[in-house]
């Protein structure tokens, strides 16, 4: 924790960043349900996943998926 703090990063922020990265990768596949994405990155409750995703991206996972798939 001290080494992370030396770089201005908290453990929680690092975990969120990694979860967010993996979630975005999975959201690119429309065959994967949102609940499956949430579960695969460590959330038992999809609403907690939605909150974390919205906090980091400014949009819900569903909105992100629609935006990304619409841009492809």
PDB file of N, CA and C in Angstrom:
ATOM      1  N   UNK A   1       0.832  -1.195   0.000  1.00  0.00           N
ATOM      2  CA  UNK A   1       0.000   0.000   0.000  1.00  0.00           C
ATOM      3  C   UNK A   1       0.876   1.259   0.000  1.00  0.00           C
ATOM      4  N   UNK A   2       2.004   1.182   0.713  1.00  0.00           N
ATOM      5  CA  UNK A   2       2.885   2.356   0.746  1.00  0.00           C
ATOM      6  C   UNK A   2       3.500   2.631  -0.621  1.00  0.00           C
ATOM      7  N   UNK A   3       3.882   1.575  -1.316  1.00  0.00           N
ATOM      8  CA  UNK A   3       4.467   1.757  -2.657  1.00  0.00           C
ATOM      9  C   UNK A   3       3.443   2.375  -3.607  1.00  0.00           C
ATOM     10  N   UNK A   4       2.210   1.923  -3.515  1.00  0.00           N
ATOM     11  CA  UNK A   4       1.162   2.511  -4.342  1.00  0.00           C
ATOM     12  C   UNK A   4       0.956   3.980  -3.983  1.00  0.00           C
ATOM     13  N   UNK A   5       0.932   4.255  -2.680  1.00  0.00           N
ATOM     14  CA  UNK A   5       0.736   5.628  -2.215  1.00  0.00           C
ATOM     15  C   UNK A   5       1.871   6.531  -2.698  1.00  0.00           C
ATOM     16  N   UNK A   6       3.082   5.989  -2.786  1.00  0.00           N
ATOM     17  CA  UNK A   6       4.209   6.769  -3.290  1.00  0.00           C
ATOM     18  C   UNK A   6       3.981   7.220  -4.727  1.00  0.00           C
ATOM     19  N   UNK A   7       3.164   6.473  -5.450  1.00  0.00           N
ATOM     20  CA  UNK A   7       2.854   6.809  -6.837  1.00  0.00           C
ATOM     21  C   UNK A   7       1.488   7.479  -6.974  1.00  0.00           C
ATOM     22  N   UNK A   8       0.878   7.815  -5.854  1.00  0.00           N
ATOM     23  CA  UNK A   8      -0.398   8.508  -5.863  1.00  0.00           C
ATOM     24  C   UNK A   8      -1.579   7.632  -6.242  1.00  0.00           C
ATOM     25  N   UNK A   9      -1.461   6.329  -5.988  1.00  0.00           N
ATOM     26  CA  UNK A   9      -2.517   5.377  -6.338  1.00  0.00           C
ATOM     27  C   UNK A   9      -2.926   4.614  -5.076  1.00  0.00           C
ATOM     28  N   UNK A  10      -4.221   4.377  -4.941  1.00  0.00           N
ATOM     29  CA  UNK A  10      -4.692   3.541  -3.844  1.00  0.00           C
ATOM     30  C   UNK A  10      -4.967   2.146  -4.375  1.00  0.00           C
ATOM     31  N   UNK A  11      -4.996   1.183  -3.471  1.00  0.00           N
ATOM     32  CA  UNK A  11      -5.283  -0.195  -3.857  1.00  0.00           C
ATOM     33  C   UNK A  11      -6.669  -0.284  -4.497  1.00  0.00           C
ATOM     34  N   UNK A  12      -7.637   0.369  -3.905  1.00  0.00           N
ATOM     35  CA  UNK A  12      -9.005   0.349  -4.426  1.00  0.00           C
ATOM     36  C   UNK A  12      -9.089   0.927  -5.830  1.00  0.00           C
ATOM     37  N   UNK A  13      -8.368   2.007  -6.076  1.00  0.00           N
ATOM     38  CA  UNK A  13      -8.371   2.623  -7.405  1.00  0.00           C
ATOM     39  C   UNK A  13      -7.731   1.698  -8.431  1.00  0.00           C
ATOM     40  N   UNK A  14      -6.685   1.003  -8.032  1.00  0.00           N
ATOM     41  CA  UNK A  14      -6.019   0.063  -8.927  1.00  0.00           C
ATOM     42  C   UNK A  14      -6.939  -1.107  -9.277  1.00  0.00           C
ATOM     43  N   UNK A  15      -7.626  -1.630  -8.283  1.00  0.00           N
ATOM     44  CA  UNK A  15      -8.572  -2.729  -8.523  1.00  0.00           C
ATOM     45  C   UNK A  15      -9.689  -2.261  -9.439  1.00  0.00           C
ATOM     46  N   UNK A  16     -10.236  -1.081  -9.178  1.00  0.00           N
ATOM     47  CA  UNK A  16     -11.302  -0.536 -10.025  1.00  0.00           C
ATOM     48  C   UNK A  16     -10.829  -0.370 -11.471  1.00  0.00           C
ATOM     49  N   UNK A  17      -9.616   0.123 -11.641  1.00  0.00           N
ATOM     50  CA  UNK A  17      -9.077   0.338 -12.981  1.00  0.00           C
ATOM     51  C   UNK A  17      -8.958  -0.986 -13.744  1.00  0.00           C
ATOM     52  N   UNK A  18      -8.467  -2.014 -13.076  1.00  0.00           N
ATOM     53  CA  UNK A  18      -8.338  -3.320 -13.727  1.00  0.00           C
ATOM     54  C   UNK A  18      -9.695  -3.936 -14.030  1.00  0.00           C
ATOM     55  N   UNK A  19     -10.617  -3.839 -13.084  1.00  0.00           N
ATOM     56  CA  UNK A  19     -11.969  -4.347 -13.318  1.00  0.00           C
ATOM     57  C   UNK A  19     -12.621  -3.631 -14.491  1.00  0.00           C
ATOM     58  N   UNK A  20     -12.461  -2.316 -14.535  1.00  0.00           N
ATOM     59  CA  UNK A  20     -13.042  -1.498 -15.592  1.00  0.00           C
ATOM     60  C   UNK A  20     -12.479  -1.902 -16.959  1.00  0.00           C
ATOM     61  N   UNK A  21     -11.182  -2.102 -17.017  1.00  0.00           N
ATOM     62  CA  UNK A  21     -10.534  -2.492 -18.273  1.00  0.00           C
ATOM     63  C   UNK A  21     -11.096  -3.823 -18.777  1.00  0.00           C
ATOM     64  N   UNK A  22     -11.185  -4.799 -17.885  1.00  0.00           N
ATOM     65  CA  UNK A  22     -11.701  -6.116 -18.274  1.00  0.00           C
ATOM     66  C   UNK A  22     -13.188  -6.057 -18.623  1.00  0.00           C
ATOM     67  N   UNK A  23     -13.930  -5.237 -17.917  1.00  0.00           N
ATOM     68  CA  UNK A  23     -15.360  -5.091 -18.213  1.00  0.00           C
ATOM     69  C   UNK A  23     -15.551  -4.519 -19.620  1.00  0.00           C
ATOM     70  N   UNK A  24     -14.780  -3.483 -19.972  1.00  0.00           N
ATOM     71  CA  UNK A  24     -14.909  -2.882 -21.302  1.00  0.00           C
ATOM     72  C   UNK A  24     -14.609  -3.900 -22.396  1.00  0.00           C
ATOM     73  N   UNK A  25     -13.604  -4.732 -22.168  1.00  0.00           N
ATOM     74  CA  UNK A  25     -13.266  -5.759 -23.158  1.00  0.00           C
ATOM     75  C   UNK A  25     -14.434  -6.723 -23.356  1.00  0.00           C
ATOM     76  N   UNK A  26     -15.077  -7.110 -22.271  1.00  0.00           N
ATOM     77  CA  UNK A  26     -16.183  -8.055 -22.356  1.00  0.00           C
ATOM     78  C   UNK A  26     -17.445  -7.405 -22.922  1.00  0.00           C
ATOM     79  N   UNK A  27     -17.631  -6.135 -22.651  1.00  0.00           N
ATOM     80  CA  UNK A  27     -18.822  -5.445 -23.151  1.00  0.00           C
ATOM     81  C   UNK A  27     -18.803  -5.291 -24.669  1.00  0.00           C
ATOM     82  N   UNK A  28     -17.638  -5.435 -25.266  1.00  0.00           N
ATOM     83  CA  UNK A  28     -17.544  -5.380 -26.726  1.00  0.00           C
ATOM     84  C   UNK A  28     -18.204  -6.584 -27.389  1.00  0.00           C
ATOM     85  N   UNK A  29     -18.448  -7.644 -26.615  1.00  0.00           N
ATOM     86  CA  UNK A  29     -19.095  -8.856 -27.136  1.00  0.00           C
ATOM     87  C   UNK A  29     -20.558  -8.848 -26.704  1.00  0.00           C
ATOM     88  N   UNK A  30     -21.483  -8.591 -27.623  1.00  0.00           N
ATOM     89  CA  UNK A  30     -22.901  -8.506 -27.251  1.00  0.00           C
ATOM     90  C   UNK A  30     -23.493  -9.832 -26.769  1.00  0.00           C
ATOM     91  N   UNK A  31     -22.799 -10.938 -27.000  1.00  0.00           N
ATOM     92  CA  UNK A  31     -23.297 -12.241 -26.560  1.00  0.00           C
ATOM     93  C   UNK A  31     -23.129 -12.438 -25.052  1.00  0.00           C
ATOM     94  N   UNK A  32     -22.269 -11.638 -24.427  1.00  0.00           N
ATOM     95  CA  UNK A  32     -22.035 -11.760 -22.985  1.00  0.00           C
ATOM     96  C   UNK A  32     -23.015 -10.855 -22.252  1.00  0.00           C
ATOM     97  N   UNK A  33     -23.817 -11.445 -21.387  1.00  0.00           N
ATOM     98  CA  UNK A  33     -24.803 -10.680 -20.624  1.00  0.00           C
ATOM     99  C   UNK A  33     -24.113  -9.796 -19.589  1.00  0.00           C
ATOM    100  N   UNK A  34     -24.772  -8.688 -19.244  1.00  0.00           N
ATOM    101  CA  UNK A  34     -24.205  -7.761 -18.265  1.00  0.00           C
ATOM    102  C   UNK A  34     -23.962  -8.441 -16.923  1.00  0.00           C
ATOM    103  N   UNK A  35     -24.863  -9.308 -16.517  1.00  0.00           N
ATOM    104  CA  UNK A  35     -24.678 -10.024 -15.246  1.00  0.00           C
ATOM    105  C   UNK A  35     -23.448 -10.917 -15.295  1.00  0.00           C
ATOM    106  N   UNK A  36     -23.175 -11.507 -16.442  1.00  0.00           N
ATOM    107  CA  UNK A  36     -21.981 -12.352 -16.598  1.00  0.00           C
ATOM    108  C   UNK A  36     -20.707 -11.515 -16.525  1.00  0.00           C
ATOM    109  N   UNK A  37     -20.745 -10.333 -17.133  1.00  0.00           N
ATOM    110  CA  UNK A  37     -19.599  -9.425 -17.057  1.00  0.00           C
ATOM    111  C   UNK A  37     -19.347  -9.052 -15.601  1.00  0.00           C
ATOM    112  N   UNK A  38     -20.393  -8.647 -14.910  1.00  0.00           N
ATOM    113  CA  UNK A  38     -20.269  -8.255 -13.504  1.00  0.00           C
ATOM    114  C   UNK A  38     -19.683  -9.390 -12.675  1.00  0.00           C
ATOM    115  N   UNK A  39     -20.210 -10.577 -12.859  1.00  0.00           N
ATOM    116  CA  UNK A  39     -19.740 -11.735 -12.096  1.00  0.00           C
ATOM    117  C   UNK A  39     -18.282 -12.063 -12.414  1.00  0.00           C
ATOM    118  N   UNK A  40     -17.904 -11.967 -13.669  1.00  0.00           N
ATOM    119  CA  UNK A  40     -16.547 -12.349 -14.067  1.00  0.00           C
ATOM    120  C   UNK A  40     -15.476 -11.416 -13.516  1.00  0.00           C
ATOM    121  N   UNK A  41     -15.853 -10.189 -13.187  1.00  0.00           N
ATOM    122  CA  UNK A  41     -14.850  -9.266 -12.637  1.00  0.00           C
ATOM    123  C   UNK A  41     -14.989  -9.091 -11.122  1.00  0.00           C
ATOM    124  N   UNK A  42     -15.782  -9.957 -10.511  1.00  0.00           N
ATOM    125  CA  UNK A  42     -15.803  -9.992  -9.046  1.00  0.00           C
ATOM    126  C   UNK A  42     -16.981  -9.353  -8.359  1.00  0.00           C
ATOM    127  N   UNK A  43     -18.030  -9.012  -9.094  1.00  0.00           N
ATOM    128  CA  UNK A  43     -19.221  -8.431  -8.482  1.00  0.00           C
ATOM    129  C   UNK A  43     -20.316  -9.481  -8.403  1.00  0.00           C
ATOM    130  N   UNK A  44     -20.838  -9.708  -7.211  1.00  0.00           N
ATOM    131  CA  UNK A  44     -21.962 -10.631  -7.050  1.00  0.00           C
ATOM    132  C   UNK A  44     -23.270  -9.944  -7.398  1.00  0.00           C
ATOM    133  N   UNK A  45     -23.274  -8.636  -7.275  1.00  0.00           N
ATOM    134  CA  UNK A  45     -24.484  -7.846  -7.498  1.00  0.00           C
ATOM    135  C   UNK A  45     -24.259  -6.921  -8.688  1.00  0.00           C
ATOM    136  N   UNK A  46     -25.111  -7.043  -9.690  1.00  0.00           N
ATOM    137  CA  UNK A  46     -24.950  -6.234 -10.897  1.00  0.00           C
ATOM    138  C   UNK A  46     -25.093  -4.745 -10.622  1.00  0.00           C
ATOM    139  N   UNK A  47     -25.890  -4.369  -9.632  1.00  0.00           N
ATOM    140  CA  UNK A  47     -26.062  -2.937  -9.349  1.00  0.00           C
ATOM    141  C   UNK A  47     -24.754  -2.310  -8.853  1.00  0.00           C
ATOM    142  N   UNK A  48     -23.962  -3.056  -8.091  1.00  0.00           N
ATOM    143  CA  UNK A  48     -22.662  -2.536  -7.656  1.00  0.00           C
ATOM    144  C   UNK A  48     -21.727  -2.368  -8.850  1.00  0.00           C
ATOM    145  N   UNK A  49     -21.769  -3.318  -9.762  1.00  0.00           N
ATOM    146  CA  UNK A  49     -20.988  -3.215 -10.991  1.00  0.00           C
ATOM    147  C   UNK A  49     -21.416  -1.977 -11.779  1.00  0.00           C
ATOM    148  N   UNK A  50     -22.727  -1.781 -11.925  1.00  0.00           N
ATOM    149  CA  UNK A  50     -23.242  -0.620 -12.659  1.00  0.00           C
ATOM    150  C   UNK A  50     -22.749   0.685 -12.046  1.00  0.00           C
ATOM    151  N   UNK A  51     -22.773   0.772 -10.706  1.00  0.00           N
ATOM    152  CA  UNK A  51     -22.321   1.982 -10.019  1.00  0.00           C
ATOM    153  C   UNK A  51     -20.840   2.248 -10.273  1.00  0.00           C
ATOM    154  N   UNK A  52     -20.017   1.190 -10.156  1.00  0.00           N
ATOM    155  CA  UNK A  52     -18.584   1.343 -10.380  1.00  0.00           C
ATOM    156  C   UNK A  52     -18.322   1.774 -11.818  1.00  0.00           C
ATOM    157  N   UNK A  53     -19.002   1.144 -12.757  1.00  0.00           N
ATOM    158  CA  UNK A  53     -18.786   1.450 -14.173  1.00  0.00           C
ATOM    159  C   UNK A  53     -19.199   2.885 -14.480  1.00  0.00           C
ATOM    160  N   UNK A  54     -20.343   3.301 -13.958  1.00  0.00           N
ATOM    161  CA  UNK A  54     -20.824   4.675 -14.196  1.00  0.00           C
ATOM    162  C   UNK A  54     -19.871   5.698 -13.575  1.00  0.00           C
ATOM    163  N   UNK A  55     -19.350   5.387 -12.395  1.00  0.00           N
ATOM    164  CA  UNK A  55     -18.422   6.311 -11.728  1.00  0.00           C
ATOM    165  C   UNK A  55     -17.160   6.513 -12.568  1.00  0.00           C
ATOM    166  N   UNK A  56     -16.679   5.447 -13.221  1.00  0.00           N
ATOM    167  CA  UNK A  56     -15.430   5.539 -13.977  1.00  0.00           C
ATOM    168  C   UNK A  56     -15.618   6.010 -15.416  1.00  0.00           C
ATOM    169  N   UNK A  57     -16.790   5.751 -15.995  1.00  0.00           N
ATOM    170  CA  UNK A  57     -16.965   6.087 -17.410  1.00  0.00           C
ATOM    171  C   UNK A  57     -17.955   7.216 -17.662  1.00  0.00           C
ATOM    172  N   UNK A  58     -18.817   7.486 -16.689  1.00  0.00           N
ATOM    173  CA  UNK A  58     -19.844   8.497 -16.887  1.00  0.00           C
ATOM    174  C   UNK A  58     -21.092   7.960 -17.559  1.00  0.00           C
ATOM    175  N   UNK A  59     -21.122   6.649 -17.833  1.00  0.00           N
ATOM    176  CA  UNK A  59     -22.307   6.029 -18.429  1.00  0.00           C
ATOM    177  C   UNK A  59     -22.464   4.621 -17.882  1.00  0.00           C
ATOM    178  N   UNK A  60     -23.664   4.093 -18.013  1.00  0.00           N
ATOM    179  CA  UNK A  60     -23.917   2.737 -17.539  1.00  0.00           C
ATOM    180  C   UNK A  60     -23.250   1.735 -18.479  1.00  0.00           C
ATOM    181  N   UNK A  61     -23.045   0.500 -18.028  1.00  0.00           N
ATOM    182  CA  UNK A  61     -22.487  -0.518 -18.923  1.00  0.00           C
ATOM    183  C   UNK A  61     -23.329  -0.711 -20.180  1.00  0.00           C
ATOM    184  N   UNK A  62     -24.643  -0.663 -20.027  1.00  0.00           N
ATOM    185  CA  UNK A  62     -25.526  -0.823 -21.178  1.00  0.00           C
ATOM    186  C   UNK A  62     -25.368   0.341 -22.162  1.00  0.00           C
ATOM    187  N   UNK A  63     -25.289   1.553 -21.646  1.00  0.00           N
ATOM    188  CA  UNK A  63     -25.073   2.721 -22.505  1.00  0.00           C
ATOM    189  C   UNK A  63     -23.722   2.626 -23.217  1.00  0.00           C
ATOM    190  N   UNK A  64     -22.700   2.190 -22.478  1.00  0.00           N
ATOM    191  CA  UNK A  64     -21.372   2.019 -23.061  1.00  0.00           C
ATOM    192  C   UNK A  64     -21.415   1.002 -24.202  1.00  0.00           C
ATOM    193  N   UNK A  65     -22.077  -0.101 -23.949  1.00  0.00           N
ATOM    194  CA  UNK A  65     -22.173  -1.154 -24.970  1.00  0.00           C
ATOM    195  C   UNK A  65     -22.879  -0.619 -26.217  1.00  0.00           C
ATOM    196  N   UNK A  66     -24.001   0.073 -26.040  1.00  0.00           N
ATOM    197  CA  UNK A  66     -24.732   0.624 -27.185  1.00  0.00           C
ATOM    198  C   UNK A  66     -23.884   1.624 -27.953  1.00  0.00           C
ATOM    199  N   UNK A  67     -23.158   2.462 -27.214  1.00  0.00           N
ATOM    200  CA  UNK A  67     -22.301   3.475 -27.843  1.00  0.00           C
ATOM    201  C   UNK A  67     -21.172   2.814 -28.637  1.00  0.00           C
ATOM    202  N   UNK A  68     -20.518   1.831 -28.049  1.00  0.00           N
ATOM    203  CA  UNK A  68     -19.383   1.173 -28.716  1.00  0.00           C
ATOM    204  C   UNK A  68     -19.830   0.328 -29.900  1.00  0.00           C
ATOM    205  N   UNK A  69     -20.920  -0.398 -29.735  1.00  0.00           N
ATOM    206  CA  UNK A  69     -21.403  -1.249 -30.829  1.00  0.00           C
ATOM    207  C   UNK A  69     -21.986  -0.397 -31.956  1.00  0.00           C
ATOM    208  N   UNK A  70     -22.544   0.732 -31.591  1.00  0.00           N
ATOM    209  CA  UNK A  70     -23.078   1.635 -32.612  1.00  0.00           C
ATOM    210  C   UNK A  70     -21.988   2.307 -33.418  1.00  0.00           C
ATOM    211  N   UNK A  71     -20.804   2.487 -32.794  1.00  0.00           N
ATOM    212  CA  UNK A  71     -19.693   3.134 -33.478  1.00  0.00           C
ATOM    213  C   UNK A  71     -18.952   2.164 -34.400  1.00  0.00           C
ATOM    214  N   UNK A  72     -19.167   0.869 -34.198  1.00  0.00           N
ATOM    215  CA  UNK A  72     -18.414  -0.132 -34.982  1.00  0.00           C
ATOM    216  C   UNK A  72     -18.966  -0.315 -36.371  1.00  0.00           C
TER     217      UNK A  72
END
